Amino acid sequence: MTARKIPEQLESLAEQVERLTELSRRLLDENRSLRTSQEQLVSERAALLSKNEQARSRVEAMIQRLKSLEQNA
């Protein structure tokens, strides 16, 4: 290794480190964004499941009322 190549290699290494640092920053930002989206989707899913259960209960109650009316008729 010659003395002239050392600064070139150090500069190349510094550029690689800078690229890796930037990539790491971008991946962290993307990860945060994905986690936020996931939390929102999980929350939305829970709300939808709850609404679905409420609708199912109302439909079952209507069916029971209809059966009761049918039996009384």
PDB file of N, CA and C in Angstrom:
ATOM      1  N   MET A   1       0.842  -1.170   0.000  1.00  0.00           N
ATOM      2  CA  MET A   1       0.000   0.000   0.000  1.00  0.00           C
ATOM      3  C   MET A   1       0.891   1.238   0.000  1.00  0.00           C
ATOM      4  N   THR A   2       0.687   2.091  -0.955  1.00  0.00           N
ATOM      5  CA  THR A   2       1.515   3.293  -1.032  1.00  0.00           C
ATOM      6  C   THR A   2       0.852   4.414  -0.259  1.00  0.00           C
ATOM      7  N   ALA A   3       1.684   5.377   0.102  1.00  0.00           N
ATOM      8  CA  ALA A   3       1.193   6.521   0.880  1.00  0.00           C
ATOM      9  C   ALA A   3       0.172   7.325   0.097  1.00  0.00           C
ATOM     10  N   ARG A   4       0.255   7.331  -1.239  1.00  0.00           N
ATOM     11  CA  ARG A   4      -0.692   8.092  -2.063  1.00  0.00           C
ATOM     12  C   ARG A   4      -2.080   7.454  -2.074  1.00  0.00           C
ATOM     13  N   LYS A   5      -2.145   6.150  -1.960  1.00  0.00           N
ATOM     14  CA  LYS A   5      -3.437   5.461  -2.016  1.00  0.00           C
ATOM     15  C   LYS A   5      -4.222   5.588  -0.712  1.00  0.00           C
ATOM     16  N   ILE A   6      -3.556   5.802   0.389  1.00  0.00           N
ATOM     17  CA  ILE A   6      -4.230   5.867   1.690  1.00  0.00           C
ATOM     18  C   ILE A   6      -5.278   6.982   1.719  1.00  0.00           C
ATOM     19  N   PRO A   7      -4.977   8.209   1.314  1.00  0.00           N
ATOM     20  CA  PRO A   7      -6.028   9.249   1.328  1.00  0.00           C
ATOM     21  C   PRO A   7      -7.209   8.909   0.408  1.00  0.00           C
ATOM     22  N   GLU A   8      -6.939   8.308  -0.732  1.00  0.00           N
ATOM     23  CA  GLU A   8      -8.015   7.915  -1.639  1.00  0.00           C
ATOM     24  C   GLU A   8      -8.897   6.857  -0.988  1.00  0.00           C
ATOM     25  N   GLN A   9      -8.270   5.895  -0.334  1.00  0.00           N
ATOM     26  CA  GLN A   9      -9.024   4.846   0.339  1.00  0.00           C
ATOM     27  C   GLN A   9      -9.832   5.412   1.508  1.00  0.00           C
ATOM     28  N   LEU A  10      -9.239   6.346   2.248  1.00  0.00           N
ATOM     29  CA  LEU A  10      -9.962   6.974   3.348  1.00  0.00           C
ATOM     30  C   LEU A  10     -11.158   7.769   2.836  1.00  0.00           C
ATOM     31  N   GLU A  11     -10.981   8.461   1.735  1.00  0.00           N
ATOM     32  CA  GLU A  11     -12.083   9.224   1.152  1.00  0.00           C
ATOM     33  C   GLU A  11     -13.191   8.286   0.675  1.00  0.00           C
ATOM     34  N   SER A  12     -12.799   7.199   0.042  1.00  0.00           N
ATOM     35  CA  SER A  12     -13.774   6.210  -0.413  1.00  0.00           C
ATOM     36  C   SER A  12     -14.528   5.614   0.766  1.00  0.00           C
ATOM     37  N   LEU A  13     -13.793   5.300   1.817  1.00  0.00           N
ATOM     38  CA  LEU A  13     -14.419   4.745   3.017  1.00  0.00           C
ATOM     39  C   LEU A  13     -15.368   5.761   3.650  1.00  0.00           C
ATOM     40  N   ALA A  14     -14.964   7.017   3.688  1.00  0.00           N
ATOM     41  CA  ALA A  14     -15.814   8.069   4.249  1.00  0.00           C
ATOM     42  C   ALA A  14     -17.099   8.202   3.433  1.00  0.00           C
ATOM     43  N   GLU A  15     -17.012   8.100   2.115  1.00  0.00           N
ATOM     44  CA  GLU A  15     -18.199   8.171   1.264  1.00  0.00           C
ATOM     45  C   GLU A  15     -19.130   6.990   1.520  1.00  0.00           C
ATOM     46  N   GLN A  16     -18.547   5.814   1.681  1.00  0.00           N
ATOM     47  CA  GLN A  16     -19.356   4.629   1.964  1.00  0.00           C
ATOM     48  C   GLN A  16     -20.077   4.775   3.304  1.00  0.00           C
ATOM     49  N   VAL A  17     -19.360   5.285   4.295  1.00  0.00           N
ATOM     50  CA  VAL A  17     -19.965   5.488   5.614  1.00  0.00           C
ATOM     51  C   VAL A  17     -21.108   6.492   5.505  1.00  0.00           C
ATOM     52  N   GLU A  18     -20.907   7.565   4.756  1.00  0.00           N
ATOM     53  CA  GLU A  18     -21.949   8.578   4.569  1.00  0.00           C
ATOM     54  C   GLU A  18     -23.174   7.975   3.883  1.00  0.00           C
ATOM     55  N   ARG A  19     -22.959   7.162   2.852  1.00  0.00           N
ATOM     56  CA  ARG A  19     -24.084   6.510   2.164  1.00  0.00           C
ATOM     57  C   ARG A  19     -24.832   5.564   3.111  1.00  0.00           C
ATOM     58  N   LEU A  20     -24.079   4.815   3.898  1.00  0.00           N
ATOM     59  CA  LEU A  20     -24.704   3.901   4.849  1.00  0.00           C
ATOM     60  C   LEU A  20     -25.483   4.657   5.925  1.00  0.00           C
ATOM     61  N   THR A  21     -24.933   5.775   6.357  1.00  0.00           N
ATOM     62  CA  THR A  21     -25.625   6.606   7.350  1.00  0.00           C
ATOM     63  C   THR A  21     -26.937   7.135   6.787  1.00  0.00           C
ATOM     64  N   GLU A  22     -26.908   7.625   5.558  1.00  0.00           N
ATOM     65  CA  GLU A  22     -28.122   8.128   4.913  1.00  0.00           C
ATOM     66  C   GLU A  22     -29.135   7.009   4.714  1.00  0.00           C
ATOM     67  N   LEU A  23     -28.674   5.863   4.282  1.00  0.00           N
ATOM     68  CA  LEU A  23     -29.562   4.718   4.108  1.00  0.00           C
ATOM     69  C   LEU A  23     -30.198   4.331   5.440  1.00  0.00           C
ATOM     70  N   SER A  24     -29.400   4.330   6.475  1.00  0.00           N
ATOM     71  CA  SER A  24     -29.904   3.998   7.804  1.00  0.00           C
ATOM     72  C   SER A  24     -30.981   4.999   8.228  1.00  0.00           C
ATOM     73  N   ARG A  25     -30.756   6.289   7.989  1.00  0.00           N
ATOM     74  CA  ARG A  25     -31.751   7.323   8.312  1.00  0.00           C
ATOM     75  C   ARG A  25     -33.057   7.084   7.547  1.00  0.00           C
ATOM     76  N   ARG A  26     -32.929   6.812   6.254  1.00  0.00           N
ATOM     77  CA  ARG A  26     -34.123   6.590   5.433  1.00  0.00           C
ATOM     78  C   ARG A  26     -34.897   5.362   5.907  1.00  0.00           C
ATOM     79  N   LEU A  27     -34.161   4.301   6.245  1.00  0.00           N
ATOM     80  CA  LEU A  27     -34.817   3.081   6.718  1.00  0.00           C
ATOM     81  C   LEU A  27     -35.505   3.298   8.063  1.00  0.00           C
ATOM     82  N   LEU A  28     -34.889   4.078   8.940  1.00  0.00           N
ATOM     83  CA  LEU A  28     -35.524   4.391  10.222  1.00  0.00           C
ATOM     84  C   LEU A  28     -36.808   5.188  10.011  1.00  0.00           C
ATOM     85  N   ASP A  29     -36.762   6.167   9.110  1.00  0.00           N
ATOM     86  CA  ASP A  29     -37.965   6.963   8.802  1.00  0.00           C
ATOM     87  C   ASP A  29     -39.058   6.072   8.223  1.00  0.00           C
ATOM     88  N   GLU A  30     -38.672   5.216   7.296  1.00  0.00           N
ATOM     89  CA  GLU A  30     -39.645   4.318   6.678  1.00  0.00           C
ATOM     90  C   GLU A  30     -40.229   3.362   7.711  1.00  0.00           C
ATOM     91  N   ASN A  31     -39.386   2.870   8.601  1.00  0.00           N
ATOM     92  CA  ASN A  31     -39.835   1.956   9.650  1.00  0.00           C
ATOM     93  C   ASN A  31     -40.845   2.653  10.555  1.00  0.00           C
ATOM     94  N   ARG A  32     -40.558   3.904  10.945  1.00  0.00           N
ATOM     95  CA  ARG A  32     -41.487   4.664  11.782  1.00  0.00           C
ATOM     96  C   ARG A  32     -42.825   4.843  11.073  1.00  0.00           C
ATOM     97  N   SER A  33     -42.755   5.188   9.802  1.00  0.00           N
ATOM     98  CA  SER A  33     -43.964   5.396   9.018  1.00  0.00           C
ATOM     99  C   SER A  33     -44.776   4.111   8.919  1.00  0.00           C
ATOM    100  N   LEU A  34     -44.104   2.996   8.674  1.00  0.00           N
ATOM    101  CA  LEU A  34     -44.798   1.711   8.569  1.00  0.00           C
ATOM    102  C   LEU A  34     -45.420   1.300   9.899  1.00  0.00           C
ATOM    103  N   ARG A  35     -44.725   1.559  10.984  1.00  0.00           N
ATOM    104  CA  ARG A  35     -45.279   1.226  12.304  1.00  0.00           C
ATOM    105  C   ARG A  35     -46.522   2.066  12.601  1.00  0.00           C
ATOM    106  N   THR A  36     -46.471   3.337  12.240  1.00  0.00           N
ATOM    107  CA  THR A  36     -47.632   4.205  12.432  1.00  0.00           C
ATOM    108  C   THR A  36     -48.810   3.711  11.605  1.00  0.00           C
ATOM    109  N   SER A  37     -48.545   3.358  10.357  1.00  0.00           N
ATOM    110  CA  SER A  37     -49.599   2.827   9.490  1.00  0.00           C
ATOM    111  C   SER A  37     -50.167   1.539  10.060  1.00  0.00           C
ATOM    112  N   GLN A  38     -49.295   0.688  10.556  1.00  0.00           N
ATOM    113  CA  GLN A  38     -49.745  -0.583  11.124  1.00  0.00           C
ATOM    114  C   GLN A  38     -50.641  -0.337  12.339  1.00  0.00           C
ATOM    115  N   GLU A  39     -50.244   0.592  13.199  1.00  0.00           N
ATOM    116  CA  GLU A  39     -51.057   0.901  14.376  1.00  0.00           C
ATOM    117  C   GLU A  39     -52.433   1.420  13.959  1.00  0.00           C
ATOM    118  N   GLN A  40     -52.464   2.282  12.946  1.00  0.00           N
ATOM    119  CA  GLN A  40     -53.742   2.805  12.463  1.00  0.00           C
ATOM    120  C   GLN A  40     -54.607   1.689  11.892  1.00  0.00           C
ATOM    121  N   LEU A  41     -53.994   0.796  11.126  1.00  0.00           N
ATOM    122  CA  LEU A  41     -54.750  -0.309  10.540  1.00  0.00           C
ATOM    123  C   LEU A  41     -55.277  -1.266  11.605  1.00  0.00           C
ATOM    124  N   VAL A  42     -54.484  -1.524  12.625  1.00  0.00           N
ATOM    125  CA  VAL A  42     -54.924  -2.399  13.711  1.00  0.00           C
ATOM    126  C   VAL A  42     -56.109  -1.760  14.434  1.00  0.00           C
ATOM    127  N   SER A  43     -56.015  -0.457  14.660  1.00  0.00           N
ATOM    128  CA  SER A  43     -57.097   0.260  15.316  1.00  0.00           C
ATOM    129  C   SER A  43     -58.363   0.253  14.452  1.00  0.00           C
ATOM    130  N   GLU A  44     -58.190   0.502  13.167  1.00  0.00           N
ATOM    131  CA  GLU A  44     -59.320   0.488  12.235  1.00  0.00           C
ATOM    132  C   GLU A  44     -59.960  -0.901  12.178  1.00  0.00           C
ATOM    133  N   ARG A  45     -59.138  -1.928  12.176  1.00  0.00           N
ATOM    134  CA  ARG A  45     -59.648  -3.306  12.141  1.00  0.00           C
ATOM    135  C   ARG A  45     -60.467  -3.593  13.396  1.00  0.00           C
ATOM    136  N   ALA A  46     -59.967  -3.170  14.549  1.00  0.00           N
ATOM    137  CA  ALA A  46     -60.694  -3.400  15.797  1.00  0.00           C
ATOM    138  C   ALA A  46     -62.053  -2.690  15.757  1.00  0.00           C
ATOM    139  N   ALA A  47     -62.082  -1.472  15.240  1.00  0.00           N
ATOM    140  CA  ALA A  47     -63.340  -0.738  15.141  1.00  0.00           C
ATOM    141  C   ALA A  47     -64.306  -1.447  14.190  1.00  0.00           C
ATOM    142  N   LEU A  48     -63.795  -1.927  13.078  1.00  0.00           N
ATOM    143  CA  LEU A  48     -64.642  -2.635  12.116  1.00  0.00           C
ATOM    144  C   LEU A  48     -65.175  -3.948  12.692  1.00  0.00           C
ATOM    145  N   LEU A  49     -64.331  -4.659  13.414  1.00  0.00           N
ATOM    146  CA  LEU A  49     -64.786  -5.901  14.052  1.00  0.00           C
ATOM    147  C   LEU A  49     -65.891  -5.615  15.069  1.00  0.00           C
ATOM    148  N   SER A  50     -65.735  -4.530  15.806  1.00  0.00           N
ATOM    149  CA  SER A  50     -66.748  -4.147  16.779  1.00  0.00           C
ATOM    150  C   SER A  50     -68.062  -3.801  16.087  1.00  0.00           C
ATOM    151  N   LYS A  51     -67.992  -3.021  15.023  1.00  0.00           N
ATOM    152  CA  LYS A  51     -69.206  -2.679  14.269  1.00  0.00           C
ATOM    153  C   LYS A  51     -69.859  -3.930  13.691  1.00  0.00           C
ATOM    154  N   ASN A  52     -69.043  -4.836  13.194  1.00  0.00           N
ATOM    155  CA  ASN A  52     -69.559  -6.089  12.645  1.00  0.00           C
ATOM    156  C   ASN A  52     -70.286  -6.898  13.722  1.00  0.00           C
ATOM    157  N   GLU A  53     -69.711  -6.946  14.897  1.00  0.00           N
ATOM    158  CA  GLU A  53     -70.334  -7.688  16.003  1.00  0.00           C
ATOM    159  C   GLU A  53     -71.651  -7.035  16.412  1.00  0.00           C
ATOM    160  N   GLN A  54     -71.684  -5.716  16.444  1.00  0.00           N
ATOM    161  CA  GLN A  54     -72.928  -5.008  16.781  1.00  0.00           C
ATOM    162  C   GLN A  54     -74.004  -5.298  15.731  1.00  0.00           C
ATOM    163  N   ALA A  55     -73.631  -5.260  14.463  1.00  0.00           N
ATOM    164  CA  ALA A  55     -74.595  -5.540  13.393  1.00  0.00           C
ATOM    165  C   ALA A  55     -75.099  -6.971  13.487  1.00  0.00           C
ATOM    166  N   ARG A  56     -74.190  -7.898  13.763  1.00  0.00           N
ATOM    167  CA  ARG A  56     -74.585  -9.298  13.903  1.00  0.00           C
ATOM    168  C   ARG A  56     -75.575  -9.462  15.057  1.00  0.00           C
ATOM    169  N   SER A  57     -75.313  -8.799  16.158  1.00  0.00           N
ATOM    170  CA  SER A  57     -76.216  -8.883  17.312  1.00  0.00           C
ATOM    171  C   SER A  57     -77.591  -8.318  16.972  1.00  0.00           C
ATOM    172  N   ARG A  58     -77.609  -7.194  16.254  1.00  0.00           N
ATOM    173  CA  ARG A  58     -78.904  -6.600  15.876  1.00  0.00           C
ATOM    174  C   ARG A  58     -79.675  -7.521  14.932  1.00  0.00           C
ATOM    175  N   VAL A  59     -78.976  -8.118  13.979  1.00  0.00           N
ATOM    176  CA  VAL A  59     -79.639  -9.039  13.044  1.00  0.00           C
ATOM    177  C   VAL A  59     -80.188 -10.243  13.798  1.00  0.00           C
ATOM    178  N   GLU A  60     -79.406 -10.792  14.713  1.00  0.00           N
ATOM    179  CA  GLU A  60     -79.880 -11.927  15.503  1.00  0.00           C
ATOM    180  C   GLU A  60     -81.099 -11.544  16.332  1.00  0.00           C
ATOM    181  N   ALA A  61     -81.097 -10.349  16.903  1.00  0.00           N
ATOM    182  CA  ALA A  61     -82.241  -9.890  17.693  1.00  0.00           C
ATOM    183  C   ALA A  61     -83.473  -9.747  16.808  1.00  0.00           C
ATOM    184  N   MET A  62     -83.301  -9.220  15.599  1.00  0.00           N
ATOM    185  CA  MET A  62     -84.432  -9.095  14.673  1.00  0.00           C
ATOM    186  C   MET A  62     -84.976 -10.471  14.305  1.00  0.00           C
ATOM    187  N   ILE A  63     -84.095 -11.413  14.054  1.00  0.00           N
ATOM    188  CA  ILE A  63     -84.523 -12.779  13.715  1.00  0.00           C
ATOM    189  C   ILE A  63     -85.334 -13.364  14.867  1.00  0.00           C
ATOM    190  N   GLN A  64     -84.859 -13.165  16.088  1.00  0.00           N
ATOM    191  CA  GLN A  64     -85.581 -13.684  17.256  1.00  0.00           C
ATOM    192  C   GLN A  64     -86.957 -13.035  17.378  1.00  0.00           C
ATOM    193  N   ARG A  65     -87.033 -11.729  17.134  1.00  0.00           N
ATOM    194  CA  ARG A  65     -88.333 -11.038  17.189  1.00  0.00           C
ATOM    195  C   ARG A  65     -89.267 -11.568  16.111  1.00  0.00           C
ATOM    196  N   LEU A  66     -88.732 -11.765  14.906  1.00  0.00           N
ATOM    197  CA  LEU A  66     -89.550 -12.295  13.820  1.00  0.00           C
ATOM    198  C   LEU A  66     -90.063 -13.703  14.144  1.00  0.00           C
ATOM    199  N   LYS A  67     -89.190 -14.535  14.701  1.00  0.00           N
ATOM    200  CA  LYS A  67     -89.607 -15.870  15.093  1.00  0.00           C
ATOM    201  C   LYS A  67     -90.694 -15.810  16.155  1.00  0.00           C
ATOM    202  N   SER A  68     -90.526 -14.891  17.090  1.00  0.00           N
ATOM    203  CA  SER A  68     -91.520 -14.725  18.155  1.00  0.00           C
ATOM    204  C   SER A  68     -92.850 -14.281  17.571  1.00  0.00           C
ATOM    205  N   LEU A  69     -92.803 -13.336  16.643  1.00  0.00           N
ATOM    206  CA  LEU A  69     -94.035 -12.858  16.003  1.00  0.00           C
ATOM    207  C   LEU A  69     -94.691 -13.985  15.205  1.00  0.00           C
ATOM    208  N   GLU A  70     -93.883 -14.779  14.547  1.00  0.00           N
ATOM    209  CA  GLU A  70     -94.383 -15.899  13.754  1.00  0.00           C
ATOM    210  C   GLU A  70     -95.078 -16.934  14.626  1.00  0.00           C
ATOM    211  N   GLN A  71     -94.496 -17.194  15.788  1.00  0.00           N
ATOM    212  CA  GLN A  71     -95.076 -18.175  16.700  1.00  0.00           C
ATOM    213  C   GLN A  71     -96.381 -17.662  17.319  1.00  0.00           C
ATOM    214  N   ASN A  72     -96.482 -16.371  17.531  1.00  0.00           N
ATOM    215  CA  ASN A  72     -97.671 -15.781  18.123  1.00  0.00           C
ATOM    216  C   ASN A  72     -98.787 -15.605  17.094  1.00  0.00           C
ATOM    217  N   ALA A  73     -98.450 -15.674  15.829  1.00  0.00           N
ATOM    218  CA  ALA A  73     -99.473 -15.438  14.806  1.00  0.00           C
ATOM    219  C   ALA A  73    -100.309 -16.642  14.522  1.00  0.00           C
TER     220      ALA A  73
END
